[in-house]
Amino acid sequence: MTEQELDQRVERAVENFMAGYGCCQSVVAAFADLYGLDDMTAKKIAAGFGGGVGRLRMMCGAVSGIVMLVGLDCGQTEGSDRDGKSACYKVVQQLLAQSEKENGSLICAEILGLKGYEKAHSTYVASPRTADYYKQRPCAAKVESAARIFAHYLSSRIKTQESASDEA
């Protein structure tokens, strides 16, 4: 996969968000086909993670998208595979550390500048997507950041695999 193709996926993630999809849906759907998931299935699987998981303003949806994609990419499939599980956790921790460094937090409420439990958890009703919504929220930039972090991970993993096969 070329850098240009990865950049197109980052753009697709932002386009998804601007079309009204949640942060997690936007990130996951941009890469889902690489793992055999169609667009609709990816968006359904990721739907509940919006608004910091069900609008509870917990872990950022875009960050949740990174976690879901890492699971699709390198998650273990055998319950007894502790090494595989540990390897997946390592990648998740590395990419989330990068996201936290770039964005200041992994927590939706903190990213949005919300203070206090009541304000962050006041309603389950999704905010209408208006021009004002997009002006006030940094979410599109967080979606782009998450998609770019995952794209860079994929790029480096692919380069490492190519390098290993060249040596073999």
N, C-alpha and C. Protein backbone atom coordinates (compact mmCIF):
# COMPACT_ATOMS: atom_id res chain seq x y z
N MET A 1 0.85 -1.18 0.00
CA MET A 1 0.00 0.00 0.00
C MET A 1 0.90 1.24 0.00
N THR A 2 0.59 2.16 -0.89
CA THR A 2 1.42 3.36 -1.02
C THR A 2 1.03 4.42 0.01
N GLU A 3 1.93 5.37 0.20
CA GLU A 3 1.64 6.49 1.10
C GLU A 3 0.41 7.26 0.60
N GLN A 4 0.29 7.39 -0.72
CA GLN A 4 -0.86 8.09 -1.29
C GLN A 4 -2.16 7.36 -0.96
N GLU A 5 -2.15 6.03 -1.04
CA GLU A 5 -3.36 5.26 -0.70
C GLU A 5 -3.70 5.42 0.77
N LEU A 6 -2.70 5.45 1.63
CA LEU A 6 -2.94 5.65 3.05
C LEU A 6 -3.48 7.06 3.31
N ASP A 7 -2.93 8.05 2.61
CA ASP A 7 -3.44 9.43 2.75
C ASP A 7 -4.90 9.52 2.31
N GLN A 8 -5.26 8.77 1.28
CA GLN A 8 -6.66 8.76 0.82
C GLN A 8 -7.57 8.17 1.90
N ARG A 9 -7.08 7.21 2.63
CA ARG A 9 -7.88 6.63 3.71
C ARG A 9 -8.06 7.63 4.85
N VAL A 10 -7.03 8.41 5.13
CA VAL A 10 -7.14 9.47 6.14
C VAL A 10 -8.19 10.48 5.69
N GLU A 11 -8.13 10.87 4.44
CA GLU A 11 -9.13 11.81 3.89
C GLU A 11 -10.53 11.21 3.98
N ARG A 12 -10.66 9.92 3.68
CA ARG A 12 -11.96 9.24 3.75
C ARG A 12 -12.50 9.28 5.18
N ALA A 13 -11.64 9.11 6.16
CA ALA A 13 -12.09 9.16 7.55
C ALA A 13 -12.69 10.53 7.87
N VAL A 14 -12.02 11.60 7.45
CA VAL A 14 -12.53 12.95 7.69
C VAL A 14 -13.83 13.17 6.92
N GLU A 15 -13.89 12.71 5.68
CA GLU A 15 -15.13 12.83 4.89
C GLU A 15 -16.28 12.10 5.58
N ASN A 16 -16.01 10.92 6.12
CA ASN A 16 -17.05 10.17 6.85
C ASN A 16 -17.59 11.02 8.00
N PHE A 17 -16.68 11.62 8.76
CA PHE A 17 -17.10 12.44 9.90
C PHE A 17 -17.94 13.63 9.43
N MET A 18 -17.48 14.29 8.40
CA MET A 18 -18.19 15.46 7.89
C MET A 18 -19.54 15.09 7.28
N ALA A 19 -19.72 13.81 6.94
CA ALA A 19 -21.01 13.33 6.42
C ALA A 19 -21.96 12.95 7.55
N GLY A 20 -21.51 13.08 8.81
CA GLY A 20 -22.40 12.82 9.93
C GLY A 20 -22.12 11.57 10.74
N TYR A 21 -21.13 10.80 10.34
CA TYR A 21 -20.79 9.60 11.11
C TYR A 21 -19.99 9.98 12.34
N GLY A 22 -20.04 9.12 13.36
CA GLY A 22 -19.29 9.35 14.58
C GLY A 22 -17.80 9.20 14.36
N CYS A 23 -17.04 9.64 15.32
CA CYS A 23 -15.58 9.60 15.23
C CYS A 23 -15.06 8.18 15.01
N CYS A 24 -15.54 7.25 15.81
CA CYS A 24 -15.08 5.86 15.69
C CYS A 24 -15.51 5.27 14.35
N GLN A 25 -16.77 5.48 13.97
CA GLN A 25 -17.25 4.97 12.69
C GLN A 25 -16.38 5.50 11.54
N SER A 26 -16.05 6.76 11.62
CA SER A 26 -15.30 7.41 10.55
C SER A 26 -13.92 6.78 10.37
N VAL A 27 -13.25 6.54 11.47
CA VAL A 27 -11.90 5.96 11.42
C VAL A 27 -11.96 4.50 11.00
N VAL A 28 -12.81 3.73 11.62
CA VAL A 28 -12.87 2.29 11.32
C VAL A 28 -13.29 2.05 9.88
N ALA A 29 -14.30 2.75 9.40
CA ALA A 29 -14.80 2.53 8.04
C ALA A 29 -13.75 2.86 6.98
N ALA A 30 -12.86 3.78 7.28
CA ALA A 30 -11.84 4.17 6.31
C ALA A 30 -10.83 3.05 6.03
N PHE A 31 -10.71 2.10 6.93
CA PHE A 31 -9.72 1.02 6.78
C PHE A 31 -10.36 -0.37 6.78
N ALA A 32 -11.65 -0.47 7.03
CA ALA A 32 -12.31 -1.75 7.26
C ALA A 32 -12.16 -2.75 6.12
N ASP A 33 -12.18 -2.26 4.89
CA ASP A 33 -12.08 -3.18 3.75
C ASP A 33 -10.78 -3.97 3.74
N LEU A 34 -9.74 -3.41 4.36
CA LEU A 34 -8.47 -4.13 4.44
C LEU A 34 -8.60 -5.42 5.25
N TYR A 35 -9.64 -5.49 6.07
CA TYR A 35 -9.85 -6.64 6.96
C TYR A 35 -11.11 -7.43 6.61
N GLY A 36 -11.62 -7.21 5.39
CA GLY A 36 -12.77 -7.98 4.93
C GLY A 36 -14.11 -7.49 5.43
N LEU A 37 -14.15 -6.29 5.99
CA LEU A 37 -15.43 -5.74 6.47
C LEU A 37 -15.97 -4.76 5.44
N ASP A 38 -17.26 -4.87 5.15
CA ASP A 38 -17.87 -3.89 4.26
C ASP A 38 -18.16 -2.63 5.07
N ASP A 39 -18.39 -1.54 4.36
CA ASP A 39 -18.60 -0.23 4.96
C ASP A 39 -19.74 -0.22 5.99
N MET A 40 -20.88 -0.81 5.63
CA MET A 40 -22.04 -0.81 6.52
C MET A 40 -21.74 -1.58 7.81
N THR A 41 -21.12 -2.73 7.70
CA THR A 41 -20.81 -3.53 8.89
C THR A 41 -19.83 -2.79 9.79
N ALA A 42 -18.82 -2.18 9.19
CA ALA A 42 -17.84 -1.42 9.97
C ALA A 42 -18.52 -0.29 10.73
N LYS A 43 -19.40 0.43 10.06
CA LYS A 43 -20.08 1.56 10.70
C LYS A 43 -21.02 1.08 11.81
N LYS A 44 -21.66 -0.06 11.62
CA LYS A 44 -22.54 -0.59 12.67
C LYS A 44 -21.74 -1.03 13.89
N ILE A 45 -20.63 -1.74 13.66
CA ILE A 45 -19.80 -2.21 14.77
C ILE A 45 -19.28 -1.02 15.59
N ALA A 46 -18.92 0.04 14.92
CA ALA A 46 -18.31 1.20 15.59
C ALA A 46 -19.32 2.22 16.10
N ALA A 47 -20.59 2.06 15.79
CA ALA A 47 -21.61 3.08 16.09
C ALA A 47 -21.71 3.44 17.57
N GLY A 48 -21.63 2.49 18.44
CA GLY A 48 -21.83 2.76 19.86
C GLY A 48 -20.68 3.47 20.55
N PHE A 49 -19.57 3.64 19.84
CA PHE A 49 -18.40 4.26 20.45
C PHE A 49 -18.38 5.78 20.29
N GLY A 50 -19.36 6.34 19.59
CA GLY A 50 -19.42 7.78 19.38
C GLY A 50 -19.64 8.54 20.67
N GLY A 51 -19.22 9.79 20.67
CA GLY A 51 -19.41 10.63 21.86
C GLY A 51 -18.63 10.13 23.06
N GLY A 52 -17.53 9.48 22.81
CA GLY A 52 -16.75 8.96 23.93
C GLY A 52 -17.41 7.75 24.55
N VAL A 53 -17.93 6.86 23.74
CA VAL A 53 -18.66 5.64 24.07
C VAL A 53 -20.07 5.99 24.54
N GLY A 54 -21.00 5.89 23.61
CA GLY A 54 -22.41 6.12 23.93
C GLY A 54 -22.69 7.51 24.46
N ARG A 55 -21.92 8.49 24.06
CA ARG A 55 -22.01 9.88 24.49
C ARG A 55 -21.76 10.05 26.00
N LEU A 56 -21.03 9.13 26.57
CA LEU A 56 -20.65 9.24 27.98
C LEU A 56 -19.40 10.08 28.16
N ARG A 57 -18.79 10.46 27.05
CA ARG A 57 -17.60 11.33 27.04
C ARG A 57 -16.40 10.67 27.72
N MET A 58 -16.29 9.36 27.54
CA MET A 58 -15.15 8.62 28.08
C MET A 58 -14.05 8.60 27.01
N MET A 59 -13.55 7.44 26.62
CA MET A 59 -12.47 7.41 25.63
C MET A 59 -12.98 7.94 24.30
N CYS A 60 -12.21 8.84 23.72
CA CYS A 60 -12.51 9.46 22.43
C CYS A 60 -12.87 8.39 21.40
N GLY A 61 -13.92 8.63 20.63
CA GLY A 61 -14.33 7.68 19.61
C GLY A 61 -13.26 7.43 18.56
N ALA A 62 -12.55 8.48 18.17
CA ALA A 62 -11.49 8.31 17.17
C ALA A 62 -10.41 7.38 17.72
N VAL A 63 -10.10 7.52 18.98
CA VAL A 63 -9.11 6.66 19.64
C VAL A 63 -9.65 5.23 19.73
N SER A 64 -10.93 5.09 20.04
CA SER A 64 -11.55 3.76 20.05
C SER A 64 -11.43 3.11 18.68
N GLY A 65 -11.51 3.93 17.64
CA GLY A 65 -11.33 3.41 16.28
C GLY A 65 -9.95 2.83 16.08
N ILE A 66 -8.94 3.49 16.61
CA ILE A 66 -7.57 2.95 16.54
C ILE A 66 -7.54 1.58 17.20
N VAL A 67 -8.12 1.47 18.38
CA VAL A 67 -8.11 0.21 19.13
C VAL A 67 -8.79 -0.89 18.32
N MET A 68 -9.94 -0.57 17.74
CA MET A 68 -10.65 -1.58 16.95
C MET A 68 -9.82 -2.02 15.74
N LEU A 69 -9.19 -1.07 15.08
CA LEU A 69 -8.38 -1.41 13.90
C LEU A 69 -7.15 -2.23 14.27
N VAL A 70 -6.52 -1.92 15.38
CA VAL A 70 -5.37 -2.72 15.82
C VAL A 70 -5.83 -4.15 16.09
N GLY A 71 -6.98 -4.30 16.72
CA GLY A 71 -7.51 -5.64 16.94
C GLY A 71 -7.73 -6.40 15.65
N LEU A 72 -8.28 -5.71 14.64
CA LEU A 72 -8.47 -6.34 13.34
C LEU A 72 -7.13 -6.69 12.69
N ASP A 73 -6.15 -5.85 12.91
CA ASP A 73 -4.85 -6.03 12.27
C ASP A 73 -4.00 -7.11 12.94
N CYS A 74 -3.96 -7.12 14.25
CA CYS A 74 -3.03 -8.05 14.90
C CYS A 74 -3.60 -8.71 16.16
N GLY A 75 -4.90 -8.65 16.34
CA GLY A 75 -5.49 -9.27 17.52
C GLY A 75 -5.37 -10.78 17.50
N GLN A 76 -5.19 -11.37 18.65
CA GLN A 76 -5.05 -12.82 18.73
C GLN A 76 -6.41 -13.47 18.54
N THR A 77 -6.40 -14.68 18.00
CA THR A 77 -7.65 -15.38 17.73
C THR A 77 -7.79 -16.67 18.54
N GLU A 78 -6.78 -17.02 19.27
CA GLU A 78 -6.82 -18.19 20.15
C GLU A 78 -6.80 -17.68 21.59
N GLY A 79 -7.74 -18.13 22.38
CA GLY A 79 -7.82 -17.67 23.76
C GLY A 79 -6.57 -17.89 24.57
N SER A 80 -5.84 -18.94 24.26
CA SER A 80 -4.63 -19.27 25.02
C SER A 80 -3.38 -18.57 24.49
N ASP A 81 -3.52 -17.76 23.45
CA ASP A 81 -2.37 -17.09 22.84
C ASP A 81 -2.00 -15.82 23.60
N ARG A 82 -1.33 -16.00 24.73
CA ARG A 82 -0.95 -14.85 25.55
C ARG A 82 0.07 -13.96 24.86
N ASP A 83 0.96 -14.55 24.08
CA ASP A 83 1.95 -13.75 23.36
C ASP A 83 1.26 -12.85 22.33
N GLY A 84 0.29 -13.41 21.60
CA GLY A 84 -0.46 -12.64 20.63
C GLY A 84 -1.25 -11.51 21.28
N LYS A 85 -1.86 -11.82 22.41
CA LYS A 85 -2.61 -10.81 23.15
C LYS A 85 -1.67 -9.69 23.62
N SER A 86 -0.53 -10.08 24.15
CA SER A 86 0.45 -9.10 24.62
C SER A 86 0.97 -8.24 23.47
N ALA A 87 1.21 -8.84 22.31
CA ALA A 87 1.69 -8.09 21.15
C ALA A 87 0.65 -7.06 20.72
N CYS A 88 -0.61 -7.44 20.73
CA CYS A 88 -1.69 -6.52 20.38
C CYS A 88 -1.76 -5.37 21.39
N TYR A 89 -1.70 -5.70 22.66
CA TYR A 89 -1.74 -4.66 23.71
C TYR A 89 -0.58 -3.68 23.53
N LYS A 90 0.58 -4.20 23.17
CA LYS A 90 1.75 -3.34 22.98
C LYS A 90 1.49 -2.32 21.87
N VAL A 91 0.94 -2.77 20.75
CA VAL A 91 0.65 -1.86 19.65
C VAL A 91 -0.40 -0.84 20.07
N VAL A 92 -1.46 -1.30 20.74
CA VAL A 92 -2.51 -0.37 21.22
C VAL A 92 -1.88 0.69 22.11
N GLN A 93 -1.07 0.28 23.07
CA GLN A 93 -0.47 1.24 23.99
C GLN A 93 0.44 2.23 23.27
N GLN A 94 1.20 1.75 22.30
CA GLN A 94 2.08 2.65 21.55
C GLN A 94 1.29 3.68 20.76
N LEU A 95 0.26 3.24 20.06
CA LEU A 95 -0.51 4.16 19.23
C LEU A 95 -1.34 5.12 20.08
N LEU A 96 -1.87 4.64 21.21
CA LEU A 96 -2.63 5.54 22.08
C LEU A 96 -1.72 6.55 22.76
N ALA A 97 -0.50 6.15 23.09
CA ALA A 97 0.46 7.11 23.65
C ALA A 97 0.75 8.20 22.64
N GLN A 98 0.87 7.82 21.39
CA GLN A 98 1.10 8.80 20.33
C GLN A 98 -0.10 9.74 20.20
N SER A 99 -1.30 9.19 20.25
CA SER A 99 -2.51 10.01 20.16
C SER A 99 -2.61 10.98 21.34
N GLU A 100 -2.32 10.48 22.52
CA GLU A 100 -2.38 11.35 23.70
C GLU A 100 -1.36 12.48 23.59
N LYS A 101 -0.18 12.15 23.10
CA LYS A 101 0.86 13.17 22.93
C LYS A 101 0.42 14.23 21.93
N GLU A 102 -0.18 13.80 20.83
CA GLU A 102 -0.61 14.73 19.78
C GLU A 102 -1.84 15.55 20.19
N ASN A 103 -2.74 14.95 20.95
CA ASN A 103 -4.04 15.56 21.20
C ASN A 103 -4.28 16.00 22.64
N GLY A 104 -3.35 15.71 23.52
CA GLY A 104 -3.46 16.17 24.90
C GLY A 104 -4.24 15.27 25.82
N SER A 105 -5.05 14.37 25.27
CA SER A 105 -5.85 13.47 26.09
C SER A 105 -6.41 12.37 25.21
N LEU A 106 -6.84 11.30 25.85
CA LEU A 106 -7.58 10.24 25.18
C LEU A 106 -9.06 10.31 25.54
N ILE A 107 -9.41 11.21 26.44
CA ILE A 107 -10.75 11.30 27.00
C ILE A 107 -11.57 12.36 26.26
N CYS A 108 -12.70 11.96 25.74
CA CYS A 108 -13.57 12.83 24.96
C CYS A 108 -13.91 14.12 25.73
N ALA A 109 -14.35 13.99 26.96
CA ALA A 109 -14.74 15.18 27.74
C ALA A 109 -13.59 16.17 27.87
N GLU A 110 -12.39 15.67 28.08
CA GLU A 110 -11.22 16.56 28.21
C GLU A 110 -10.90 17.22 26.88
N ILE A 111 -10.98 16.46 25.80
CA ILE A 111 -10.71 17.01 24.48
C ILE A 111 -11.72 18.12 24.14
N LEU A 112 -12.97 17.91 24.55
CA LEU A 112 -14.03 18.89 24.28
C LEU A 112 -14.07 20.02 25.32
N GLY A 113 -13.27 19.91 26.36
CA GLY A 113 -13.24 20.95 27.39
C GLY A 113 -14.45 20.91 28.32
N LEU A 114 -15.08 19.75 28.44
CA LEU A 114 -16.23 19.61 29.34
C LEU A 114 -15.74 19.37 30.76
N LYS A 115 -16.39 19.98 31.71
CA LYS A 115 -16.03 19.83 33.12
C LYS A 115 -17.19 19.21 33.88
N GLY A 116 -16.89 18.25 34.71
CA GLY A 116 -17.90 17.70 35.60
C GLY A 116 -18.72 16.58 34.99
N TYR A 117 -19.11 15.66 35.83
CA TYR A 117 -19.86 14.48 35.43
C TYR A 117 -21.20 14.85 34.80
N GLU A 118 -21.94 15.76 35.40
CA GLU A 118 -23.28 16.08 34.94
C GLU A 118 -23.27 16.60 33.51
N LYS A 119 -22.36 17.50 33.22
CA LYS A 119 -22.31 18.08 31.88
C LYS A 119 -21.88 17.02 30.86
N ALA A 120 -20.94 16.21 31.21
CA ALA A 120 -20.43 15.21 30.27
C ALA A 120 -21.44 14.09 30.05
N HIS A 121 -22.27 13.80 31.02
CA HIS A 121 -23.20 12.67 30.94
C HIS A 121 -24.66 13.12 30.92
N SER A 122 -24.93 14.34 30.53
CA SER A 122 -26.27 14.88 30.69
C SER A 122 -27.32 14.30 29.77
N THR A 123 -26.94 13.78 28.63
CA THR A 123 -27.95 13.29 27.69
C THR A 123 -27.38 12.28 26.73
N TYR A 124 -28.25 11.45 26.22
CA TYR A 124 -27.83 10.48 25.21
C TYR A 124 -28.17 10.97 23.81
N VAL A 125 -28.77 12.12 23.70
CA VAL A 125 -29.21 12.63 22.40
C VAL A 125 -28.01 13.21 21.63
N ALA A 126 -27.81 12.71 20.43
CA ALA A 126 -26.70 13.18 19.59
C ALA A 126 -26.92 14.64 19.20
N SER A 127 -25.84 15.39 19.17
CA SER A 127 -25.91 16.79 18.78
C SER A 127 -26.19 16.91 17.29
N PRO A 128 -27.03 17.88 16.91
CA PRO A 128 -27.25 18.08 15.48
C PRO A 128 -25.97 18.59 14.81
N ARG A 129 -25.71 18.13 13.61
CA ARG A 129 -24.51 18.52 12.87
C ARG A 129 -24.80 19.81 12.10
N THR A 130 -24.47 20.91 12.72
CA THR A 130 -24.65 22.22 12.10
C THR A 130 -23.29 22.84 11.85
N ALA A 131 -23.28 23.96 11.15
CA ALA A 131 -22.01 24.66 10.91
C ALA A 131 -21.38 25.05 12.24
N ASP A 132 -22.21 25.45 13.21
CA ASP A 132 -21.70 25.82 14.53
C ASP A 132 -21.07 24.62 15.25
N TYR A 133 -21.69 23.46 15.10
CA TYR A 133 -21.15 22.23 15.68
C TYR A 133 -19.71 22.01 15.20
N TYR A 134 -19.52 22.09 13.89
CA TYR A 134 -18.19 21.84 13.32
C TYR A 134 -17.19 22.92 13.71
N LYS A 135 -17.65 24.16 13.91
CA LYS A 135 -16.75 25.25 14.33
C LYS A 135 -16.28 25.06 15.77
N GLN A 136 -17.17 24.59 16.64
CA GLN A 136 -16.87 24.51 18.07
C GLN A 136 -16.09 23.26 18.47
N ARG A 137 -16.14 22.23 17.67
CA ARG A 137 -15.57 20.95 18.08
C ARG A 137 -14.30 20.61 17.31
N PRO A 138 -13.35 20.03 18.01
CA PRO A 138 -12.10 19.63 17.36
C PRO A 138 -12.19 18.22 16.77
N CYS A 139 -13.38 17.64 16.71
CA CYS A 139 -13.52 16.22 16.38
C CYS A 139 -12.96 15.85 15.00
N ALA A 140 -13.19 16.67 13.98
CA ALA A 140 -12.68 16.34 12.65
C ALA A 140 -11.16 16.22 12.68
N ALA A 141 -10.51 17.10 13.43
CA ALA A 141 -9.05 17.04 13.55
C ALA A 141 -8.62 15.79 14.32
N LYS A 142 -9.41 15.37 15.30
CA LYS A 142 -9.07 14.16 16.07
C LYS A 142 -9.26 12.91 15.22
N VAL A 143 -10.29 12.91 14.37
CA VAL A 143 -10.50 11.81 13.43
C VAL A 143 -9.31 11.73 12.47
N GLU A 144 -8.90 12.88 11.95
CA GLU A 144 -7.76 12.89 11.04
C GLU A 144 -6.50 12.40 11.75
N SER A 145 -6.28 12.84 12.97
CA SER A 145 -5.11 12.42 13.74
C SER A 145 -5.12 10.90 13.95
N ALA A 146 -6.26 10.36 14.37
CA ALA A 146 -6.35 8.92 14.63
C ALA A 146 -6.13 8.12 13.36
N ALA A 147 -6.74 8.55 12.27
CA ALA A 147 -6.57 7.84 11.00
C ALA A 147 -5.12 7.91 10.53
N ARG A 148 -4.49 9.06 10.72
CA ARG A 148 -3.09 9.21 10.31
C ARG A 148 -2.18 8.34 11.17
N ILE A 149 -2.44 8.29 12.46
CA ILE A 149 -1.64 7.43 13.36
C ILE A 149 -1.75 5.98 12.91
N PHE A 150 -2.96 5.53 12.61
CA PHE A 150 -3.12 4.14 12.17
C PHE A 150 -2.48 3.93 10.80
N ALA A 151 -2.61 4.89 9.90
CA ALA A 151 -2.00 4.78 8.57
C ALA A 151 -0.48 4.67 8.68
N HIS A 152 0.12 5.47 9.57
CA HIS A 152 1.58 5.39 9.76
C HIS A 152 1.99 4.04 10.34
N TYR A 153 1.19 3.54 11.26
CA TYR A 153 1.45 2.20 11.81
C TYR A 153 1.42 1.17 10.69
N LEU A 154 0.37 1.22 9.86
CA LEU A 154 0.27 0.26 8.75
C LEU A 154 1.45 0.38 7.80
N SER A 155 1.81 1.59 7.47
CA SER A 155 2.92 1.83 6.57
C SER A 155 4.22 1.24 7.12
N SER A 156 4.48 1.48 8.39
CA SER A 156 5.73 0.95 8.98
C SER A 156 5.68 -0.56 9.09
N ARG A 157 4.51 -1.13 9.38
CA ARG A 157 4.38 -2.58 9.46
C ARG A 157 4.60 -3.21 8.09
N ILE A 158 4.03 -2.60 7.07
CA ILE A 158 4.19 -3.12 5.71
C ILE A 158 5.65 -3.04 5.27
N LYS A 159 6.31 -1.92 5.57
CA LYS A 159 7.73 -1.77 5.21
C LYS A 159 8.59 -2.81 5.93
N THR A 160 8.27 -3.07 7.19
CA THR A 160 9.01 -4.08 7.96
C THR A 160 8.82 -5.46 7.35
N GLN A 161 7.59 -5.78 6.95
CA GLN A 161 7.33 -7.09 6.33
C GLN A 161 8.04 -7.23 4.99
N GLU A 162 8.01 -6.17 4.18
CA GLU A 162 8.70 -6.19 2.89
C GLU A 162 10.20 -6.36 3.07
N SER A 163 10.74 -5.67 4.04
CA SER A 163 12.16 -5.76 4.33
C SER A 163 12.54 -7.17 4.78
N ALA A 164 11.69 -7.78 5.60
CA ALA A 164 11.94 -9.14 6.07
C ALA A 164 11.87 -10.14 4.92
N SER A 165 10.93 -9.94 3.98
CA SER A 165 10.85 -10.87 2.85
C SER A 165 12.00 -10.68 1.87
N ASP A 166 12.51 -9.46 1.77
CA ASP A 166 13.67 -9.22 0.91
C ASP A 166 14.92 -9.94 1.45
N GLU A 167 15.00 -10.00 2.77
CA GLU A 167 16.15 -10.65 3.40
C GLU A 167 16.06 -12.17 3.33
N ALA A 168 14.85 -12.68 3.19
CA ALA A 168 14.66 -14.15 3.18
C ALA A 168 15.03 -14.80 1.89
